[in-house]
Amino acid sequence: MQEIEYIGYAAGFLTTLAFLPQALKVFRSKKTRDISLLWALLMTFGVFLWFCYGYANHSLPMMIANGITFVLMLVILVFKLRFK
């Protein structure tokens, strides 16, 4: 079972890392014109639900990855709403 946990950590790390460049770019440039508000809303809420699912199933890899991704998505969403 532990090997499966490693796959979960690797998947979570990679998919979370994928959001980091976008969040940093938005944070630095304060420009979000090309980001869809609907995408940002749905993605933020979806990631939050994945975190809740991981919590309910006691899945640390899922909780860590989606917790961090949720914060990154909040940055993107807040900047999208603030700098329309």
PDB file of N, CA and C in Angstrom:
ATOM      1  N   MET A   1       0.817  -1.201   0.000  1.00  0.00           N
ATOM      2  CA  MET A   1       0.000   0.000   0.000  1.00  0.00           C
ATOM      3  C   MET A   1       0.859   1.263   0.000  1.00  0.00           C
ATOM      4  N   GLN A   2       2.053   1.188   0.557  1.00  0.00           N
ATOM      5  CA  GLN A   2       2.901   2.366   0.640  1.00  0.00           C
ATOM      6  C   GLN A   2       3.360   2.855  -0.738  1.00  0.00           C
ATOM      7  N   GLU A   3       3.542   1.958  -1.704  1.00  0.00           N
ATOM      8  CA  GLU A   3       3.947   2.365  -3.048  1.00  0.00           C
ATOM      9  C   GLU A   3       2.872   3.241  -3.678  1.00  0.00           C
ATOM     10  N   ILE A   4       1.627   2.932  -3.421  1.00  0.00           N
ATOM     11  CA  ILE A   4       0.522   3.729  -3.952  1.00  0.00           C
ATOM     12  C   ILE A   4       0.556   5.134  -3.352  1.00  0.00           C
ATOM     13  N   GLU A   5       0.917   5.247  -2.080  1.00  0.00           N
ATOM     14  CA  GLU A   5       1.046   6.558  -1.443  1.00  0.00           C
ATOM     15  C   GLU A   5       2.106   7.398  -2.163  1.00  0.00           C
ATOM     16  N   TYR A   6       3.215   6.775  -2.565  1.00  0.00           N
ATOM     17  CA  TYR A   6       4.262   7.504  -3.276  1.00  0.00           C
ATOM     18  C   TYR A   6       3.753   8.034  -4.605  1.00  0.00           C
ATOM     19  N   ILE A   7       2.948   7.247  -5.284  1.00  0.00           N
ATOM     20  CA  ILE A   7       2.339   7.708  -6.542  1.00  0.00           C
ATOM     21  C   ILE A   7       1.435   8.906  -6.258  1.00  0.00           C
ATOM     22  N   GLY A   8       0.673   8.844  -5.174  1.00  0.00           N
ATOM     23  CA  GLY A   8      -0.183   9.964  -4.795  1.00  0.00           C
ATOM     24  C   GLY A   8       0.607  11.221  -4.500  1.00  0.00           C
ATOM     25  N   TYR A   9       1.708  11.080  -3.766  1.00  0.00           N
ATOM     26  CA  TYR A   9       2.556  12.234  -3.481  1.00  0.00           C
ATOM     27  C   TYR A   9       3.159  12.809  -4.764  1.00  0.00           C
ATOM     28  N   ALA A  10       3.628  11.946  -5.654  1.00  0.00           N
ATOM     29  CA  ALA A  10       4.222  12.410  -6.909  1.00  0.00           C
ATOM     30  C   ALA A  10       3.186  13.127  -7.774  1.00  0.00           C
ATOM     31  N   ALA A  11       2.010  12.547  -7.897  1.00  0.00           N
ATOM     32  CA  ALA A  11       0.943  13.173  -8.681  1.00  0.00           C
ATOM     33  C   ALA A  11       0.545  14.514  -8.074  1.00  0.00           C
ATOM     34  N   GLY A  12       0.385  14.541  -6.777  1.00  0.00           N
ATOM     35  CA  GLY A  12       0.022  15.782  -6.101  1.00  0.00           C
ATOM     36  C   GLY A  12       1.083  16.854  -6.264  1.00  0.00           C
ATOM     37  N   PHE A  13       2.350  16.465  -6.137  1.00  0.00           N
ATOM     38  CA  PHE A  13       3.445  17.415  -6.288  1.00  0.00           C
ATOM     39  C   PHE A  13       3.455  18.022  -7.685  1.00  0.00           C
ATOM     40  N   LEU A  14       3.342  17.173  -8.696  1.00  0.00           N
ATOM     41  CA  LEU A  14       3.405  17.653 -10.079  1.00  0.00           C
ATOM     42  C   LEU A  14       2.212  18.526 -10.451  1.00  0.00           C
ATOM     43  N   THR A  15       1.010  18.109 -10.077  1.00  0.00           N
ATOM     44  CA  THR A  15      -0.160  18.905 -10.447  1.00  0.00           C
ATOM     45  C   THR A  15      -0.220  20.217  -9.659  1.00  0.00           C
ATOM     46  N   THR A  16       0.260  20.203  -8.432  1.00  0.00           N
ATOM     47  CA  THR A  16       0.320  21.437  -7.659  1.00  0.00           C
ATOM     48  C   THR A  16       1.385  22.362  -8.224  1.00  0.00           C
ATOM     49  N   LEU A  17       2.525  21.813  -8.557  1.00  0.00           N
ATOM     50  CA  LEU A  17       3.620  22.592  -9.135  1.00  0.00           C
ATOM     51  C   LEU A  17       3.178  23.274 -10.429  1.00  0.00           C
ATOM     52  N   ALA A  18       2.271  22.667 -11.170  1.00  0.00           N
ATOM     53  CA  ALA A  18       1.794  23.233 -12.428  1.00  0.00           C
ATOM     54  C   ALA A  18       1.082  24.573 -12.224  1.00  0.00           C
ATOM     55  N   PHE A  19       0.485  24.796 -11.062  1.00  0.00           N
ATOM     56  CA  PHE A  19      -0.214  26.048 -10.797  1.00  0.00           C
ATOM     57  C   PHE A  19       0.712  27.157 -10.304  1.00  0.00           C
ATOM     58  N   LEU A  20       1.869  26.810  -9.827  1.00  0.00           N
ATOM     59  CA  LEU A  20       2.780  27.789  -9.251  1.00  0.00           C
ATOM     60  C   LEU A  20       3.224  28.870 -10.242  1.00  0.00           C
ATOM     61  N   PRO A  21       3.651  28.529 -11.467  1.00  0.00           N
ATOM     62  CA  PRO A  21       4.069  29.590 -12.394  1.00  0.00           C
ATOM     63  C   PRO A  21       2.949  30.589 -12.700  1.00  0.00           C
ATOM     64  N   GLN A  22       1.723  30.094 -12.847  1.00  0.00           N
ATOM     65  CA  GLN A  22       0.608  31.001 -13.147  1.00  0.00           C
ATOM     66  C   GLN A  22       0.311  31.908 -11.965  1.00  0.00           C
ATOM     67  N   ALA A  23       0.294  31.343 -10.768  1.00  0.00           N
ATOM     68  CA  ALA A  23       0.027  32.150  -9.581  1.00  0.00           C
ATOM     69  C   ALA A  23       1.116  33.210  -9.391  1.00  0.00           C
ATOM     70  N   LEU A  24       2.369  32.845  -9.603  1.00  0.00           N
ATOM     71  CA  LEU A  24       3.467  33.808  -9.486  1.00  0.00           C
ATOM     72  C   LEU A  24       3.372  34.903 -10.542  1.00  0.00           C
ATOM     73  N   LYS A  25       3.021  34.510 -11.761  1.00  0.00           N
ATOM     74  CA  LYS A  25       2.899  35.491 -12.843  1.00  0.00           C
ATOM     75  C   LYS A  25       1.781  36.492 -12.540  1.00  0.00           C
ATOM     76  N   VAL A  26       0.652  35.996 -12.074  1.00  0.00           N
ATOM     77  CA  VAL A  26      -0.471  36.869 -11.722  1.00  0.00           C
ATOM     78  C   VAL A  26      -0.084  37.776 -10.566  1.00  0.00           C
ATOM     79  N   PHE A  27       0.590  37.218  -9.578  1.00  0.00           N
ATOM     80  CA  PHE A  27       0.995  37.990  -8.404  1.00  0.00           C
ATOM     81  C   PHE A  27       1.950  39.118  -8.793  1.00  0.00           C
ATOM     82  N   ARG A  28       2.892  38.828  -9.673  1.00  0.00           N
ATOM     83  CA  ARG A  28       3.888  39.824 -10.069  1.00  0.00           C
ATOM     84  C   ARG A  28       3.327  40.869 -11.028  1.00  0.00           C
ATOM     85  N   SER A  29       2.560  40.418 -12.022  1.00  0.00           N
ATOM     86  CA  SER A  29       2.096  41.329 -13.068  1.00  0.00           C
ATOM     87  C   SER A  29       0.776  42.013 -12.735  1.00  0.00           C
ATOM     88  N   LYS A  30      -0.012  41.415 -11.859  1.00  0.00           N
ATOM     89  CA  LYS A  30      -1.346  41.914 -11.517  1.00  0.00           C
ATOM     90  C   LYS A  30      -2.264  41.941 -12.752  1.00  0.00           C
ATOM     91  N   LYS A  31      -1.961  41.089 -13.731  1.00  0.00           N
ATOM     92  CA  LYS A  31      -2.756  41.021 -14.961  1.00  0.00           C
ATOM     93  C   LYS A  31      -3.420  39.652 -15.068  1.00  0.00           C
ATOM     94  N   THR A  32      -4.728  39.678 -15.241  1.00  0.00           N
ATOM     95  CA  THR A  32      -5.482  38.418 -15.315  1.00  0.00           C
ATOM     96  C   THR A  32      -6.475  38.424 -16.476  1.00  0.00           C
ATOM     97  N   ARG A  33      -6.292  39.314 -17.416  1.00  0.00           N
ATOM     98  CA  ARG A  33      -7.249  39.465 -18.510  1.00  0.00           C
ATOM     99  C   ARG A  33      -7.507  38.166 -19.268  1.00  0.00           C
ATOM    100  N   ASP A  34      -6.505  37.372 -19.478  1.00  0.00           N
ATOM    101  CA  ASP A  34      -6.655  36.149 -20.275  1.00  0.00           C
ATOM    102  C   ASP A  34      -7.095  34.943 -19.455  1.00  0.00           C
ATOM    103  N   ILE A  35      -7.351  35.138 -18.170  1.00  0.00           N
ATOM    104  CA  ILE A  35      -7.817  34.031 -17.328  1.00  0.00           C
ATOM    105  C   ILE A  35      -9.329  34.115 -17.211  1.00  0.00           C
ATOM    106  N   SER A  36      -9.987  33.030 -17.493  1.00  0.00           N
ATOM    107  CA  SER A  36     -11.441  32.971 -17.408  1.00  0.00           C
ATOM    108  C   SER A  36     -11.890  33.004 -15.947  1.00  0.00           C
ATOM    109  N   LEU A  37     -12.811  33.898 -15.630  1.00  0.00           N
ATOM    110  CA  LEU A  37     -13.354  33.959 -14.275  1.00  0.00           C
ATOM    111  C   LEU A  37     -14.103  32.675 -13.935  1.00  0.00           C
ATOM    112  N   LEU A  38     -14.860  32.162 -14.893  1.00  0.00           N
ATOM    113  CA  LEU A  38     -15.595  30.918 -14.651  1.00  0.00           C
ATOM    114  C   LEU A  38     -14.626  29.770 -14.357  1.00  0.00           C
ATOM    115  N   TRP A  39     -13.547  29.683 -15.120  1.00  0.00           N
ATOM    116  CA  TRP A  39     -12.545  28.641 -14.870  1.00  0.00           C
ATOM    117  C   TRP A  39     -11.969  28.782 -13.466  1.00  0.00           C
ATOM    118  N   ALA A  40     -11.611  30.016 -13.093  1.00  0.00           N
ATOM    119  CA  ALA A  40     -11.005  30.243 -11.778  1.00  0.00           C
ATOM    120  C   ALA A  40     -11.973  29.882 -10.653  1.00  0.00           C
ATOM    121  N   LEU A  41     -13.231  30.233 -10.799  1.00  0.00           N
ATOM    122  CA  LEU A  41     -14.238  29.892  -9.786  1.00  0.00           C
ATOM    123  C   LEU A  41     -14.434  28.384  -9.676  1.00  0.00           C
ATOM    124  N   LEU A  42     -14.639  27.737 -10.819  1.00  0.00           N
ATOM    125  CA  LEU A  42     -14.879  26.286 -10.819  1.00  0.00           C
ATOM    126  C   LEU A  42     -13.663  25.518 -10.316  1.00  0.00           C
ATOM    127  N   MET A  43     -12.493  25.937 -10.744  1.00  0.00           N
ATOM    128  CA  MET A  43     -11.271  25.247 -10.338  1.00  0.00           C
ATOM    129  C   MET A  43     -11.027  25.404  -8.841  1.00  0.00           C
ATOM    130  N   THR A  44     -11.228  26.599  -8.320  1.00  0.00           N
ATOM    131  CA  THR A  44     -11.030  26.838  -6.893  1.00  0.00           C
ATOM    132  C   THR A  44     -12.002  25.989  -6.069  1.00  0.00           C
ATOM    133  N   PHE A  45     -13.257  25.989  -6.454  1.00  0.00           N
ATOM    134  CA  PHE A  45     -14.248  25.210  -5.721  1.00  0.00           C
ATOM    135  C   PHE A  45     -13.986  23.712  -5.872  1.00  0.00           C
ATOM    136  N   GLY A  46     -13.612  23.279  -7.067  1.00  0.00           N
ATOM    137  CA  GLY A  46     -13.310  21.869  -7.295  1.00  0.00           C
ATOM    138  C   GLY A  46     -12.124  21.384  -6.483  1.00  0.00           C
ATOM    139  N   VAL A  47     -11.071  22.184  -6.426  1.00  0.00           N
ATOM    140  CA  VAL A  47      -9.890  21.828  -5.640  1.00  0.00           C
ATOM    141  C   VAL A  47     -10.240  21.761  -4.155  1.00  0.00           C
ATOM    142  N   PHE A  48     -11.089  22.693  -3.706  1.00  0.00           N
ATOM    143  CA  PHE A  48     -11.539  22.654  -2.315  1.00  0.00           C
ATOM    144  C   PHE A  48     -12.300  21.359  -2.025  1.00  0.00           C
ATOM    145  N   LEU A  49     -13.150  20.937  -2.956  1.00  0.00           N
ATOM    146  CA  LEU A  49     -13.886  19.686  -2.774  1.00  0.00           C
ATOM    147  C   LEU A  49     -12.953  18.478  -2.775  1.00  0.00           C
ATOM    148  N   TRP A  50     -11.913  18.500  -3.615  1.00  0.00           N
ATOM    149  CA  TRP A  50     -10.927  17.416  -3.595  1.00  0.00           C
ATOM    150  C   TRP A  50     -10.212  17.363  -2.252  1.00  0.00           C
ATOM    151  N   PHE A  51      -9.914  18.545  -1.685  1.00  0.00           N
ATOM    152  CA  PHE A  51      -9.302  18.584  -0.359  1.00  0.00           C
ATOM    153  C   PHE A  51     -10.239  17.937   0.666  1.00  0.00           C
ATOM    154  N   CYS A  52     -11.517  18.301   0.613  1.00  0.00           N
ATOM    155  CA  CYS A  52     -12.508  17.730   1.541  1.00  0.00           C
ATOM    156  C   CYS A  52     -12.607  16.217   1.372  1.00  0.00           C
ATOM    157  N   TYR A  53     -12.564  15.758   0.133  1.00  0.00           N
ATOM    158  CA  TYR A  53     -12.611  14.322  -0.151  1.00  0.00           C
ATOM    159  C   TYR A  53     -11.385  13.626   0.442  1.00  0.00           C
ATOM    160  N   GLY A  54     -10.223  14.225   0.272  1.00  0.00           N
ATOM    161  CA  GLY A  54      -8.996  13.669   0.846  1.00  0.00           C
ATOM    162  C   GLY A  54      -9.052  13.629   2.360  1.00  0.00           C
ATOM    163  N   TYR A  55      -9.611  14.672   2.957  1.00  0.00           N
ATOM    164  CA  TYR A  55      -9.764  14.712   4.410  1.00  0.00           C
ATOM    165  C   TYR A  55     -10.696  13.603   4.886  1.00  0.00           C
ATOM    166  N   ALA A  56     -11.814  13.440   4.201  1.00  0.00           N
ATOM    167  CA  ALA A  56     -12.792  12.416   4.579  1.00  0.00           C
ATOM    168  C   ALA A  56     -12.216  11.010   4.460  1.00  0.00           C
ATOM    169  N   ASN A  57     -11.276  10.825   3.529  1.00  0.00           N
ATOM    170  CA  ASN A  57     -10.669   9.514   3.307  1.00  0.00           C
ATOM    171  C   ASN A  57      -9.302   9.383   3.973  1.00  0.00           C
ATOM    172  N   HIS A  58      -8.930  10.360   4.766  1.00  0.00           N
ATOM    173  CA  HIS A  58      -7.653  10.343   5.482  1.00  0.00           C
ATOM    174  C   HIS A  58      -6.477  10.148   4.525  1.00  0.00           C
ATOM    175  N   SER A  59      -6.541  10.849   3.381  1.00  0.00           N
ATOM    176  CA  SER A  59      -5.489  10.743   2.374  1.00  0.00           C
ATOM    177  C   SER A  59      -4.579  11.965   2.464  1.00  0.00           C
ATOM    178  N   LEU A  60      -3.458  11.808   3.133  1.00  0.00           N
ATOM    179  CA  LEU A  60      -2.520  12.911   3.306  1.00  0.00           C
ATOM    180  C   LEU A  60      -2.011  13.471   1.967  1.00  0.00           C
ATOM    181  N   PRO A  61      -1.640  12.624   0.991  1.00  0.00           N
ATOM    182  CA  PRO A  61      -1.184  13.182  -0.288  1.00  0.00           C
ATOM    183  C   PRO A  61      -2.252  14.064  -0.936  1.00  0.00           C
ATOM    184  N   MET A  62      -3.503  13.634  -0.894  1.00  0.00           N
ATOM    185  CA  MET A  62      -4.577  14.403  -1.505  1.00  0.00           C
ATOM    186  C   MET A  62      -4.828  15.710  -0.750  1.00  0.00           C
ATOM    187  N   MET A  63      -4.743  15.650   0.565  1.00  0.00           N
ATOM    188  CA  MET A  63      -4.968  16.855   1.368  1.00  0.00           C
ATOM    189  C   MET A  63      -3.843  17.871   1.165  1.00  0.00           C
ATOM    190  N   ILE A  64      -2.617  17.419   1.152  1.00  0.00           N
ATOM    191  CA  ILE A  64      -1.480  18.331   0.976  1.00  0.00           C
ATOM    192  C   ILE A  64      -1.542  18.985  -0.408  1.00  0.00           C
ATOM    193  N   ALA A  65      -1.667  18.171  -1.439  1.00  0.00           N
ATOM    194  CA  ALA A  65      -1.663  18.695  -2.807  1.00  0.00           C
ATOM    195  C   ALA A  65      -2.813  19.667  -3.033  1.00  0.00           C
ATOM    196  N   ASN A  66      -3.999  19.277  -2.624  1.00  0.00           N
ATOM    197  CA  ASN A  66      -5.152  20.135  -2.886  1.00  0.00           C
ATOM    198  C   ASN A  66      -5.219  21.321  -1.938  1.00  0.00           C
ATOM    199  N   GLY A  67      -4.661  21.203  -0.753  1.00  0.00           N
ATOM    200  CA  GLY A  67      -4.578  22.354   0.144  1.00  0.00           C
ATOM    201  C   GLY A  67      -3.692  23.441  -0.433  1.00  0.00           C
ATOM    202  N   ILE A  68      -2.526  23.050  -0.937  1.00  0.00           N
ATOM    203  CA  ILE A  68      -1.603  24.014  -1.547  1.00  0.00           C
ATOM    204  C   ILE A  68      -2.187  24.570  -2.840  1.00  0.00           C
ATOM    205  N   THR A  69      -2.760  23.695  -3.664  1.00  0.00           N
ATOM    206  CA  THR A  69      -3.370  24.143  -4.919  1.00  0.00           C
ATOM    207  C   THR A  69      -4.524  25.104  -4.644  1.00  0.00           C
ATOM    208  N   PHE A  70      -5.294  24.838  -3.590  1.00  0.00           N
ATOM    209  CA  PHE A  70      -6.392  25.725  -3.220  1.00  0.00           C
ATOM    210  C   PHE A  70      -5.867  27.133  -2.909  1.00  0.00           C
ATOM    211  N   VAL A  71      -4.776  27.220  -2.179  1.00  0.00           N
ATOM    212  CA  VAL A  71      -4.185  28.530  -1.865  1.00  0.00           C
ATOM    213  C   VAL A  71      -3.721  29.223  -3.147  1.00  0.00           C
ATOM    214  N   LEU A  72      -3.068  28.477  -4.035  1.00  0.00           N
ATOM    215  CA  LEU A  72      -2.621  29.060  -5.306  1.00  0.00           C
ATOM    216  C   LEU A  72      -3.810  29.530  -6.139  1.00  0.00           C
ATOM    217  N   MET A  73      -4.869  28.746  -6.151  1.00  0.00           N
ATOM    218  CA  MET A  73      -6.064  29.132  -6.902  1.00  0.00           C
ATOM    219  C   MET A  73      -6.732  30.350  -6.278  1.00  0.00           C
ATOM    220  N   LEU A  74      -6.710  30.446  -4.953  1.00  0.00           N
ATOM    221  CA  LEU A  74      -7.271  31.631  -4.304  1.00  0.00           C
ATOM    222  C   LEU A  74      -6.513  32.886  -4.707  1.00  0.00           C
ATOM    223  N   VAL A  75      -5.186  32.782  -4.801  1.00  0.00           N
ATOM    224  CA  VAL A  75      -4.377  33.922  -5.256  1.00  0.00           C
ATOM    225  C   VAL A  75      -4.828  34.352  -6.642  1.00  0.00           C
ATOM    226  N   ILE A  76      -4.942  33.392  -7.543  1.00  0.00           N
ATOM    227  CA  ILE A  76      -5.362  33.689  -8.912  1.00  0.00           C
ATOM    228  C   ILE A  76      -6.763  34.290  -8.924  1.00  0.00           C
ATOM    229  N   LEU A  77      -7.680  33.691  -8.194  1.00  0.00           N
ATOM    230  CA  LEU A  77      -9.067  34.159  -8.163  1.00  0.00           C
ATOM    231  C   LEU A  77      -9.175  35.559  -7.559  1.00  0.00           C
ATOM    232  N   VAL A  78      -8.502  35.806  -6.454  1.00  0.00           N
ATOM    233  CA  VAL A  78      -8.549  37.118  -5.823  1.00  0.00           C
ATOM    234  C   VAL A  78      -7.999  38.190  -6.762  1.00  0.00           C
ATOM    235  N   PHE A  79      -6.895  37.894  -7.419  1.00  0.00           N
ATOM    236  CA  PHE A  79      -6.334  38.862  -8.354  1.00  0.00           C
ATOM    237  C   PHE A  79      -7.244  39.048  -9.554  1.00  0.00           C
ATOM    238  N   LYS A  80      -7.880  37.983 -10.005  1.00  0.00           N
ATOM    239  CA  LYS A  80      -8.818  38.090 -11.129  1.00  0.00           C
ATOM    240  C   LYS A  80      -9.969  39.018 -10.758  1.00  0.00           C
ATOM    241  N   LEU A  81     -10.499  38.883  -9.571  1.00  0.00           N
ATOM    242  CA  LEU A  81     -11.620  39.718  -9.131  1.00  0.00           C
ATOM    243  C   LEU A  81     -11.181  41.154  -8.832  1.00  0.00           C
ATOM    244  N   ARG A  82      -9.994  41.300  -8.301  1.00  0.00           N
ATOM    245  CA  ARG A  82      -9.516  42.625  -7.892  1.00  0.00           C
ATOM    246  C   ARG A  82      -9.021  43.473  -9.064  1.00  0.00           C
ATOM    247  N   PHE A  83      -8.377  42.865 -10.034  1.00  0.00           N
ATOM    248  CA  PHE A  83      -7.776  43.609 -11.143  1.00  0.00           C
ATOM    249  C   PHE A  83      -8.488  43.322 -12.454  1.00  0.00           C
ATOM    250  N   LYS A  84      -9.795  43.414 -12.459  1.00  0.00           N
ATOM    251  CA  LYS A  84     -10.574  43.192 -13.697  1.00  0.00           C
ATOM    252  C   LYS A  84     -10.256  44.243 -14.733  1.00  0.00           C
TER     253      LYS A  84
END
